[in-house]
PDB file of N, CA and C in Angstrom:
ATOM      1  N   MET A   1     -15.072 -13.921  14.223  1.00  0.00           N
ATOM      2  CA  MET A   1     -13.771 -14.174  13.636  1.00  0.00           C
ATOM      3  C   MET A   1     -13.871 -14.100  11.561  1.00  0.00           C
ATOM      4  N   ILE A   2     -15.470 -14.810  11.262  1.00  0.00           N
ATOM      5  CA  ILE A   2     -15.971 -14.785  10.592  1.00  0.00           C
ATOM      6  C   ILE A   2     -17.249 -14.560  10.050  1.00  0.00           C
ATOM      7  N   ARG A   3     -17.394 -13.945   9.568  1.00  0.00           N
ATOM      8  CA  ARG A   3     -19.485 -13.534   9.748  1.00  0.00           C
ATOM      9  C   ARG A   3     -20.173 -13.432   7.635  1.00  0.00           C
ATOM     10  N   SER A   4     -20.875 -14.430   7.731  1.00  0.00           N
ATOM     11  CA  SER A   4     -21.474 -14.065   6.133  1.00  0.00           C
ATOM     12  C   SER A   4     -23.122 -13.358   6.495  1.00  0.00           C
ATOM     13  N   GLU A   5     -22.859 -11.997   5.648  1.00  0.00           N
ATOM     14  CA  GLU A   5     -24.004 -11.726   5.123  1.00  0.00           C
ATOM     15  C   GLU A   5     -24.119 -11.622   3.625  1.00  0.00           C
ATOM     16  N   GLY A   6     -25.293 -12.241   3.422  1.00  0.00           N
ATOM     17  CA  GLY A   6     -25.369 -13.177   1.059  1.00  0.00           C
ATOM     18  C   GLY A   6     -24.247 -12.956   0.997  1.00  0.00           C
ATOM     19  N   ASN A   7     -24.344 -12.146   0.141  1.00  0.00           N
ATOM     20  CA  ASN A   7     -22.813 -12.508  -0.538  1.00  0.00           C
ATOM     21  C   ASN A   7     -21.551 -12.018   0.186  1.00  0.00           C
ATOM     22  N   ARG A   8     -21.081 -11.377   1.371  1.00  0.00           N
ATOM     23  CA  ARG A   8     -20.396 -10.695   2.069  1.00  0.00           C
ATOM     24  C   ARG A   8     -20.006 -11.519   3.409  1.00  0.00           C
ATOM     25  N   LEU A   9     -18.424 -11.741   3.490  1.00  0.00           N
ATOM     26  CA  LEU A   9     -18.227 -12.395   4.354  1.00  0.00           C
ATOM     27  C   LEU A   9     -16.877 -11.392   4.999  1.00  0.00           C
ATOM     28  N   SER A  10     -16.940 -11.300   6.458  1.00  0.00           N
ATOM     29  CA  SER A  10     -17.289  -9.768   7.092  1.00  0.00           C
ATOM     30  C   SER A  10     -15.671 -10.588   8.419  1.00  0.00           C
ATOM     31  N   LEU A  11     -14.433 -10.615   8.183  1.00  0.00           N
ATOM     32  CA  LEU A  11     -13.823 -10.703   9.318  1.00  0.00           C
ATOM     33  C   LEU A  11     -13.646  -9.729  10.048  1.00  0.00           C
ATOM     34  N   SER A  12     -12.962 -10.258  11.714  1.00  0.00           N
ATOM     35  CA  SER A  12     -12.685  -9.763  12.257  1.00  0.00           C
ATOM     36  C   SER A  12     -11.374 -10.780  13.217  1.00  0.00           C
ATOM     37  N   GLY A  13     -11.027  -9.139  13.915  1.00  0.00           N
ATOM     38  CA  GLY A  13      -9.873 -10.163  15.147  1.00  0.00           C
ATOM     39  C   GLY A  13      -8.491 -10.020  13.868  1.00  0.00           C
ATOM     40  N   PRO A  14      -7.392 -10.746  14.922  1.00  0.00           N
ATOM     41  CA  PRO A  14      -5.927 -11.098  13.761  1.00  0.00           C
ATOM     42  C   PRO A  14      -6.821 -11.975  13.219  1.00  0.00           C
ATOM     43  N   LEU A  15      -5.686 -11.695  12.006  1.00  0.00           N
ATOM     44  CA  LEU A  15      -6.373 -12.660  10.670  1.00  0.00           C
ATOM     45  C   LEU A  15      -4.306 -13.995  10.509  1.00  0.00           C
ATOM     46  N   THR A  16      -3.866 -14.569  11.795  1.00  0.00           N
ATOM     47  CA  THR A  16      -2.123 -14.652  11.536  1.00  0.00           C
ATOM     48  C   THR A  16      -2.461 -16.311  11.354  1.00  0.00           C
ATOM     49  N   ILE A  17      -0.962 -16.883  11.387  1.00  0.00           N
ATOM     50  CA  ILE A  17      -0.494 -17.668  11.591  1.00  0.00           C
ATOM     51  C   ILE A  17      -1.530 -18.430  12.099  1.00  0.00           C
ATOM     52  N   THR A  18      -1.984 -17.837  13.706  1.00  0.00           N
ATOM     53  CA  THR A  18      -2.825 -19.206  14.641  1.00  0.00           C
ATOM     54  C   THR A  18      -3.826 -18.989  14.160  1.00  0.00           C
ATOM     55  N   THR A  19      -5.042 -18.642  13.641  1.00  0.00           N
ATOM     56  CA  THR A  19      -5.732 -18.082  13.373  1.00  0.00           C
ATOM     57  C   THR A  19      -6.859 -18.793  11.792  1.00  0.00           C
ATOM     58  N   VAL A  20      -5.733 -18.764  10.945  1.00  0.00           N
ATOM     59  CA  VAL A  20      -6.683 -18.471  10.027  1.00  0.00           C
ATOM     60  C   VAL A  20      -7.580 -20.105   9.440  1.00  0.00           C
ATOM     61  N   ALA A  21      -6.447 -20.651  10.186  1.00  0.00           N
ATOM     62  CA  ALA A  21      -7.573 -22.486  10.055  1.00  0.00           C
ATOM     63  C   ALA A  21      -8.729 -22.222  10.873  1.00  0.00           C
ATOM     64  N   LYS A  22      -9.424 -21.247  11.394  1.00  0.00           N
ATOM     65  CA  LYS A  22     -10.209 -22.129  11.550  1.00  0.00           C
ATOM     66  C   LYS A  22     -11.181 -21.188  10.316  1.00  0.00           C
ATOM     67  N   VAL A  23     -11.103 -20.418   9.731  1.00  0.00           N
ATOM     68  CA  VAL A  23     -11.875 -20.019   8.357  1.00  0.00           C
ATOM     69  C   VAL A  23     -11.561 -19.960   7.483  1.00  0.00           C
ATOM     70  N   VAL A  24     -10.206 -20.816   6.969  1.00  0.00           N
ATOM     71  CA  VAL A  24     -10.071 -21.617   6.004  1.00  0.00           C
ATOM     72  C   VAL A  24     -10.851 -21.951   5.261  1.00  0.00           C
ATOM     73  N   GLU A  25     -11.756 -22.887   5.417  1.00  0.00           N
ATOM     74  CA  GLU A  25     -12.510 -24.124   4.636  1.00  0.00           C
ATOM     75  C   GLU A  25     -13.687 -22.750   5.121  1.00  0.00           C
ATOM     76  N   GLU A  26     -14.154 -22.944   5.761  1.00  0.00           N
ATOM     77  CA  GLU A  26     -15.637 -21.775   5.191  1.00  0.00           C
ATOM     78  C   GLU A  26     -15.425 -20.909   4.337  1.00  0.00           C
ATOM     79  N   GLY A  27     -14.571 -20.017   4.716  1.00  0.00           N
ATOM     80  CA  GLY A  27     -14.461 -19.144   3.162  1.00  0.00           C
ATOM     81  C   GLY A  27     -14.487 -19.695   1.711  1.00  0.00           C
ATOM     82  N   ARG A  28     -13.659 -20.479   1.617  1.00  0.00           N
ATOM     83  CA  ARG A  28     -13.484 -21.409   0.228  1.00  0.00           C
ATOM     84  C   ARG A  28     -14.799 -22.278   0.242  1.00  0.00           C
ATOM     85  N   ASP A  29     -15.565 -22.348   0.963  1.00  0.00           N
ATOM     86  CA  ASP A  29     -16.661 -22.774   0.590  1.00  0.00           C
ATOM     87  C   ASP A  29     -17.209 -21.783   0.174  1.00  0.00           C
ATOM     88  N   GLN A  30     -17.509 -20.888   0.737  1.00  0.00           N
ATOM     89  CA  GLN A  30     -18.377 -19.774   0.461  1.00  0.00           C
ATOM     90  C   GLN A  30     -17.831 -19.307  -0.992  1.00  0.00           C
ATOM     91  N   MET A  31     -16.644 -19.256  -1.483  1.00  0.00           N
ATOM     92  CA  MET A  31     -16.449 -18.745  -2.787  1.00  0.00           C
ATOM     93  C   MET A  31     -16.647 -20.130  -4.162  1.00  0.00           C
ATOM     94  N   ALA A  32     -17.242 -21.096  -3.735  1.00  0.00           N
ATOM     95  CA  ALA A  32     -17.640 -22.051  -4.939  1.00  0.00           C
ATOM     96  C   ALA A  32     -18.956 -21.562  -4.411  1.00  0.00           C
ATOM     97  N   GLU A  33     -20.059 -20.762  -4.069  1.00  0.00           N
ATOM     98  CA  GLU A  33     -21.356 -20.598  -4.385  1.00  0.00           C
ATOM     99  C   GLU A  33     -21.302 -19.332  -5.323  1.00  0.00           C
ATOM    100  N   ALA A  34     -21.244 -18.750  -5.134  1.00  0.00           N
ATOM    101  CA  ALA A  34     -20.997 -17.238  -5.676  1.00  0.00           C
ATOM    102  C   ALA A  34     -19.876 -16.500  -6.105  1.00  0.00           C
ATOM    103  N   ASP A  35     -20.303 -15.150  -6.417  1.00  0.00           N
ATOM    104  CA  ASP A  35     -19.801 -14.299  -6.332  1.00  0.00           C
ATOM    105  C   ASP A  35     -18.827 -13.419  -5.157  1.00  0.00           C
ATOM    106  N   GLN A  36     -17.224 -13.068  -3.955  1.00  0.00           N
ATOM    107  CA  GLN A  36     -17.845 -12.647  -2.800  1.00  0.00           C
ATOM    108  C   GLN A  36     -17.393 -11.406  -3.135  1.00  0.00           C
ATOM    109  N   VAL A  37     -17.458 -10.614  -1.343  1.00  0.00           N
ATOM    110  CA  VAL A  37     -17.154  -9.575  -1.516  1.00  0.00           C
ATOM    111  C   VAL A  37     -16.696  -9.654   0.089  1.00  0.00           C
ATOM    112  N   VAL A  38     -15.089 -10.481   0.025  1.00  0.00           N
ATOM    113  CA  VAL A  38     -13.918 -10.159   1.579  1.00  0.00           C
ATOM    114  C   VAL A  38     -14.036  -8.038   2.123  1.00  0.00           C
ATOM    115  N   ASP A  39     -14.981  -8.621   3.247  1.00  0.00           N
ATOM    116  CA  ASP A  39     -14.709  -7.158   4.202  1.00  0.00           C
ATOM    117  C   ASP A  39     -13.515  -7.494   5.468  1.00  0.00           C
ATOM    118  N   LEU A  40     -12.194  -6.806   5.451  1.00  0.00           N
ATOM    119  CA  LEU A  40     -11.532  -6.633   6.415  1.00  0.00           C
ATOM    120  C   LEU A  40     -11.673  -5.640   7.021  1.00  0.00           C
ATOM    121  N   SER A  41     -12.615  -5.175   7.154  1.00  0.00           N
ATOM    122  CA  SER A  41     -12.492  -3.870   8.257  1.00  0.00           C
ATOM    123  C   SER A  41     -12.762  -3.763   9.734  1.00  0.00           C
ATOM    124  N   GLY A  42     -13.021  -5.555  10.137  1.00  0.00           N
ATOM    125  CA  GLY A  42     -12.403  -5.566  10.872  1.00  0.00           C
ATOM    126  C   GLY A  42     -11.088  -6.376  11.843  1.00  0.00           C
ATOM    127  N   VAL A  43     -10.380  -6.310  10.969  1.00  0.00           N
ATOM    128  CA  VAL A  43      -8.894  -7.537  11.441  1.00  0.00           C
ATOM    129  C   VAL A  43      -8.425  -6.074  12.030  1.00  0.00           C
ATOM    130  N   THR A  44      -7.605  -6.752  12.663  1.00  0.00           N
ATOM    131  CA  THR A  44      -6.791  -5.758  13.505  1.00  0.00           C
ATOM    132  C   THR A  44      -5.818  -6.707  13.029  1.00  0.00           C
ATOM    133  N   GLN A  45      -4.864  -7.476  13.042  1.00  0.00           N
ATOM    134  CA  GLN A  45      -3.562  -7.476  12.636  1.00  0.00           C
ATOM    135  C   GLN A  45      -3.545  -9.338  11.637  1.00  0.00           C
ATOM    136  N   VAL A  46      -2.365  -8.711  11.207  1.00  0.00           N
ATOM    137  CA  VAL A  46      -2.271 -10.294   9.647  1.00  0.00           C
ATOM    138  C   VAL A  46      -0.455 -10.406   9.816  1.00  0.00           C
ATOM    139  N   ASP A  47      -0.473 -11.469   9.049  1.00  0.00           N
ATOM    140  CA  ASP A  47       0.806 -11.257   8.530  1.00  0.00           C
ATOM    141  C   ASP A  47       0.519 -12.422   7.540  1.00  0.00           C
ATOM    142  N   SER A  48       2.145 -13.512   7.063  1.00  0.00           N
ATOM    143  CA  SER A  48       1.986 -13.949   5.384  1.00  0.00           C
ATOM    144  C   SER A  48       0.437 -14.368   5.550  1.00  0.00           C
ATOM    145  N   ALA A  49       0.479 -15.253   6.988  1.00  0.00           N
ATOM    146  CA  ALA A  49      -1.207 -16.503   6.709  1.00  0.00           C
ATOM    147  C   ALA A  49      -2.156 -15.516   6.191  1.00  0.00           C
ATOM    148  N   ALA A  50      -2.761 -14.512   6.382  1.00  0.00           N
ATOM    149  CA  ALA A  50      -3.659 -13.403   5.868  1.00  0.00           C
ATOM    150  C   ALA A  50      -3.948 -13.670   4.626  1.00  0.00           C
ATOM    151  N   LEU A  51      -2.308 -13.897   3.973  1.00  0.00           N
ATOM    152  CA  LEU A  51      -2.157 -13.407   2.560  1.00  0.00           C
ATOM    153  C   LEU A  51      -2.403 -14.788   2.040  1.00  0.00           C
ATOM    154  N   ALA A  52      -1.389 -16.238   2.073  1.00  0.00           N
ATOM    155  CA  ALA A  52      -2.022 -16.978   2.393  1.00  0.00           C
ATOM    156  C   ALA A  52      -3.607 -17.537   2.195  1.00  0.00           C
ATOM    157  N   LEU A  53      -3.586 -17.032   2.484  1.00  0.00           N
ATOM    158  CA  LEU A  53      -5.741 -17.261   3.307  1.00  0.00           C
ATOM    159  C   LEU A  53      -6.678 -17.119   2.260  1.00  0.00           C
ATOM    160  N   LEU A  54      -5.996 -15.378   1.660  1.00  0.00           N
ATOM    161  CA  LEU A  54      -6.562 -14.592   0.890  1.00  0.00           C
ATOM    162  C   LEU A  54      -6.549 -15.321  -0.601  1.00  0.00           C
ATOM    163  N   LEU A  55      -5.086 -15.931  -0.821  1.00  0.00           N
ATOM    164  CA  LEU A  55      -4.624 -16.412  -1.833  1.00  0.00           C
ATOM    165  C   LEU A  55      -5.367 -18.136  -2.564  1.00  0.00           C
ATOM    166  N   SER A  56      -5.705 -18.320  -1.383  1.00  0.00           N
ATOM    167  CA  SER A  56      -6.519 -19.645  -1.209  1.00  0.00           C
ATOM    168  C   SER A  56      -8.237 -19.283  -1.710  1.00  0.00           C
ATOM    169  N   TRP A  57      -8.520 -18.723  -1.536  1.00  0.00           N
ATOM    170  CA  TRP A  57      -9.760 -17.633  -1.929  1.00  0.00           C
ATOM    171  C   TRP A  57     -10.428 -17.254  -2.707  1.00  0.00           C
ATOM    172  N   VAL A  58      -9.027 -16.785  -3.782  1.00  0.00           N
ATOM    173  CA  VAL A  58      -9.119 -16.053  -4.920  1.00  0.00           C
ATOM    174  C   VAL A  58      -9.115 -17.458  -5.882  1.00  0.00           C
ATOM    175  N   ARG A  59      -8.041 -18.343  -5.719  1.00  0.00           N
ATOM    176  CA  ARG A  59      -7.648 -19.279  -6.616  1.00  0.00           C
ATOM    177  C   ARG A  59      -9.377 -20.211  -6.458  1.00  0.00           C
ATOM    178  N   ALA A  60     -10.373 -20.788  -5.240  1.00  0.00           N
ATOM    179  CA  ALA A  60     -11.300 -20.896  -5.379  1.00  0.00           C
ATOM    180  C   ALA A  60     -12.755 -20.450  -6.180  1.00  0.00           C
ATOM    181  N   ALA A  61     -12.138 -19.357  -5.533  1.00  0.00           N
ATOM    182  CA  ALA A  61     -13.710 -18.059  -6.854  1.00  0.00           C
ATOM    183  C   ALA A  61     -12.891 -18.849  -8.258  1.00  0.00           C
ATOM    184  N   LYS A  62     -12.375 -18.715  -8.293  1.00  0.00           N
ATOM    185  CA  LYS A  62     -11.679 -18.613  -9.961  1.00  0.00           C
ATOM    186  C   LYS A  62     -11.881 -19.904 -10.075  1.00  0.00           C
ATOM    187  N   ALA A  63     -12.105 -21.199  -9.859  1.00  0.00           N
ATOM    188  CA  ALA A  63     -11.867 -22.301 -10.059  1.00  0.00           C
ATOM    189  C   ALA A  63     -13.752 -22.760 -10.528  1.00  0.00           C
ATOM    190  N   ALA A  64     -14.142 -21.790  -9.155  1.00  0.00           N
ATOM    191  CA  ALA A  64     -16.208 -21.959  -9.469  1.00  0.00           C
ATOM    192  C   ALA A  64     -16.548 -21.084 -10.258  1.00  0.00           C
ATOM    193  N   GLY A  65     -15.667 -20.440 -11.138  1.00  0.00           N
ATOM    194  CA  GLY A  65     -16.086 -19.579 -11.889  1.00  0.00           C
ATOM    195  C   GLY A  65     -16.390 -18.171 -11.144  1.00  0.00           C
ATOM    196  N   HIS A  66     -16.242 -17.745 -10.309  1.00  0.00           N
ATOM    197  CA  HIS A  66     -16.865 -16.450  -9.288  1.00  0.00           C
ATOM    198  C   HIS A  66     -15.315 -15.802  -9.230  1.00  0.00           C
ATOM    199  N   LYS A  67     -15.741 -14.462  -9.196  1.00  0.00           N
ATOM    200  CA  LYS A  67     -15.344 -13.516  -8.925  1.00  0.00           C
ATOM    201  C   LYS A  67     -15.141 -13.230  -6.872  1.00  0.00           C
ATOM    202  N   LEU A  68     -14.480 -12.870  -6.712  1.00  0.00           N
ATOM    203  CA  LEU A  68     -13.677 -12.252  -5.269  1.00  0.00           C
ATOM    204  C   LEU A  68     -13.289 -10.905  -5.163  1.00  0.00           C
ATOM    205  N   SER A  69     -14.043 -10.147  -4.282  1.00  0.00           N
ATOM    206  CA  SER A  69     -13.363  -8.619  -4.607  1.00  0.00           C
ATOM    207  C   SER A  69     -12.960  -8.488  -2.694  1.00  0.00           C
ATOM    208  N   ILE A  70     -12.396  -7.549  -2.075  1.00  0.00           N
ATOM    209  CA  ILE A  70     -11.474  -7.499  -1.375  1.00  0.00           C
ATOM    210  C   ILE A  70     -11.919  -6.784  -0.408  1.00  0.00           C
ATOM    211  N   ASP A  71     -12.252  -6.000   0.445  1.00  0.00           N
ATOM    212  CA  ASP A  71     -13.099  -4.931   0.531  1.00  0.00           C
ATOM    213  C   ASP A  71     -12.110  -3.991   2.029  1.00  0.00           C
ATOM    214  N   HIS A  72     -11.241  -3.279   2.071  1.00  0.00           N
ATOM    215  CA  HIS A  72     -11.012  -2.084   3.433  1.00  0.00           C
ATOM    216  C   HIS A  72      -9.881  -2.836   3.784  1.00  0.00           C
ATOM    217  N   ALA A  73      -8.758  -3.131   2.993  1.00  0.00           N
ATOM    218  CA  ALA A  73      -7.140  -4.519   3.771  1.00  0.00           C
ATOM    219  C   ALA A  73      -6.878  -3.294   4.211  1.00  0.00           C
ATOM    220  N   PRO A  74      -6.228  -3.812   5.153  1.00  0.00           N
ATOM    221  CA  PRO A  74      -5.749  -3.564   5.996  1.00  0.00           C
ATOM    222  C   PRO A  74      -3.971  -2.861   5.836  1.00  0.00           C
ATOM    223  N   PRO A  75      -3.737  -1.775   6.145  1.00  0.00           N
ATOM    224  CA  PRO A  75      -2.212  -0.840   5.975  1.00  0.00           C
ATOM    225  C   PRO A  75      -1.389  -2.228   5.306  1.00  0.00           C
ATOM    226  N   ALA A  76      -1.318  -2.941   6.738  1.00  0.00           N
ATOM    227  CA  ALA A  76      -0.420  -4.269   6.803  1.00  0.00           C
ATOM    228  C   ALA A  76      -0.836  -5.066   5.474  1.00  0.00           C
ATOM    229  N   LEU A  77      -1.408  -5.612   5.262  1.00  0.00           N
ATOM    230  CA  LEU A  77      -1.917  -6.116   4.335  1.00  0.00           C
ATOM    231  C   LEU A  77      -1.466  -6.222   2.717  1.00  0.00           C
ATOM    232  N   VAL A  78      -1.439  -4.497   2.316  1.00  0.00           N
ATOM    233  CA  VAL A  78      -1.559  -4.278   1.124  1.00  0.00           C
ATOM    234  C   VAL A  78      -0.041  -3.698   1.300  1.00  0.00           C
ATOM    235  N   SER A  79       0.998  -4.150   2.965  1.00  0.00           N
ATOM    236  CA  SER A  79       2.055  -4.192   2.691  1.00  0.00           C
ATOM    237  C   SER A  79       3.012  -4.736   2.128  1.00  0.00           C
ATOM    238  N   LEU A  80       2.286  -6.586   3.057  1.00  0.00           N
ATOM    239  CA  LEU A  80       2.592  -7.126   2.931  1.00  0.00           C
ATOM    240  C   LEU A  80       2.318  -7.161   1.494  1.00  0.00           C
ATOM    241  N   ALA A  81       2.021  -7.652   0.884  1.00  0.00           N
ATOM    242  CA  ALA A  81       1.165  -7.630  -1.003  1.00  0.00           C
ATOM    243  C   ALA A  81       2.174  -7.399  -1.966  1.00  0.00           C
ATOM    244  N   SER A  82       2.530  -6.556  -1.689  1.00  0.00           N
ATOM    245  CA  SER A  82       3.803  -5.804  -2.273  1.00  0.00           C
ATOM    246  C   SER A  82       5.082  -6.522  -2.374  1.00  0.00           C
ATOM    247  N   LEU A  83       5.431  -6.809  -0.868  1.00  0.00           N
ATOM    248  CA  LEU A  83       6.665  -6.948  -0.511  1.00  0.00           C
ATOM    249  C   LEU A  83       7.093  -8.574  -0.866  1.00  0.00           C
ATOM    250  N   TYR A  84       5.605  -9.173  -1.072  1.00  0.00           N
ATOM    251  CA  TYR A  84       5.625 -10.742  -1.841  1.00  0.00           C
ATOM    252  C   TYR A  84       5.257 -10.456  -3.347  1.00  0.00           C
ATOM    253  N   ASP A  85       4.743  -9.895  -3.763  1.00  0.00           N
ATOM    254  CA  ASP A  85       4.729  -8.932  -4.869  1.00  0.00           C
ATOM    255  C   ASP A  85       3.029  -9.918  -5.283  1.00  0.00           C
ATOM    256  N   VAL A  86       2.198 -10.548  -4.568  1.00  0.00           N
ATOM    257  CA  VAL A  86       1.045 -10.682  -5.321  1.00  0.00           C
ATOM    258  C   VAL A  86      -0.379  -9.963  -5.195  1.00  0.00           C
ATOM    259  N   ASP A  87       0.353  -8.758  -4.759  1.00  0.00           N
ATOM    260  CA  ASP A  87      -0.810  -6.987  -4.873  1.00  0.00           C
ATOM    261  C   ASP A  87      -1.607  -7.426  -6.391  1.00  0.00           C
ATOM    262  N   THR A  88      -1.049  -7.588  -6.969  1.00  0.00           N
ATOM    263  CA  THR A  88      -1.600  -7.499  -8.935  1.00  0.00           C
ATOM    264  C   THR A  88      -2.617  -9.163  -8.887  1.00  0.00           C
ATOM    265  N   ILE A  89      -2.076 -10.129  -7.702  1.00  0.00           N
ATOM    266  CA  ILE A  89      -3.213 -11.255  -7.854  1.00  0.00           C
ATOM    267  C   ILE A  89      -4.147 -10.814  -6.998  1.00  0.00           C
ATOM    268  N   LEU A  90      -3.687 -10.456  -6.174  1.00  0.00           N
ATOM    269  CA  LEU A  90      -5.143 -10.505  -4.641  1.00  0.00           C
ATOM    270  C   LEU A  90      -6.081  -8.882  -5.087  1.00  0.00           C
ATOM    271  N   PRO A  91      -6.957  -8.723  -5.790  1.00  0.00           N
ATOM    272  CA  PRO A  91      -7.748  -7.954  -5.640  1.00  0.00           C
ATOM    273  C   PRO A  91      -8.431  -6.812  -4.476  1.00  0.00           C
ATOM    274  N   LEU A  92      -7.312  -5.947  -4.286  1.00  0.00           N
ATOM    275  CA  LEU A  92      -7.245  -5.449  -2.872  1.00  0.00           C
ATOM    276  C   LEU A  92      -8.275  -4.144  -2.943  1.00  0.00           C
ATOM    277  N   ALA A  93      -8.685  -3.656  -2.358  1.00  0.00           N
ATOM    278  CA  ALA A  93      -9.677  -2.349  -2.707  1.00  0.00           C
ATOM    279  C   ALA A  93      -9.907  -1.512  -1.274  1.00  0.00           C
ATOM    280  N   PRO A  94      -9.203  -0.404  -0.717  1.00  0.00           N
ATOM    281  CA  PRO A  94      -8.485  -0.363   0.720  1.00  0.00           C
ATOM    282  C   PRO A  94      -9.973   0.220   0.883  1.00  0.00           C
TER     283      PRO A  94
END
């Protein structure tokens, strides 16, 4: 589900209410260490829990004085971010 390579976190599989609890703390710890890139190219499904997870990581990165960028955001995540009006908060890249 989560793989760390340097300053890049790669997520895979579904990122939903039933799965985010498994990665939230590990990712938050990574945000405190350095600037991070979160690669979502392997994510197969998202729901609003994915937004909550990423917003949590953005806050953790900012609190630690680091930046977070999100690569390969699935279209469904981009759509949800827009729907919930958080697309300007999340550093989403296609």
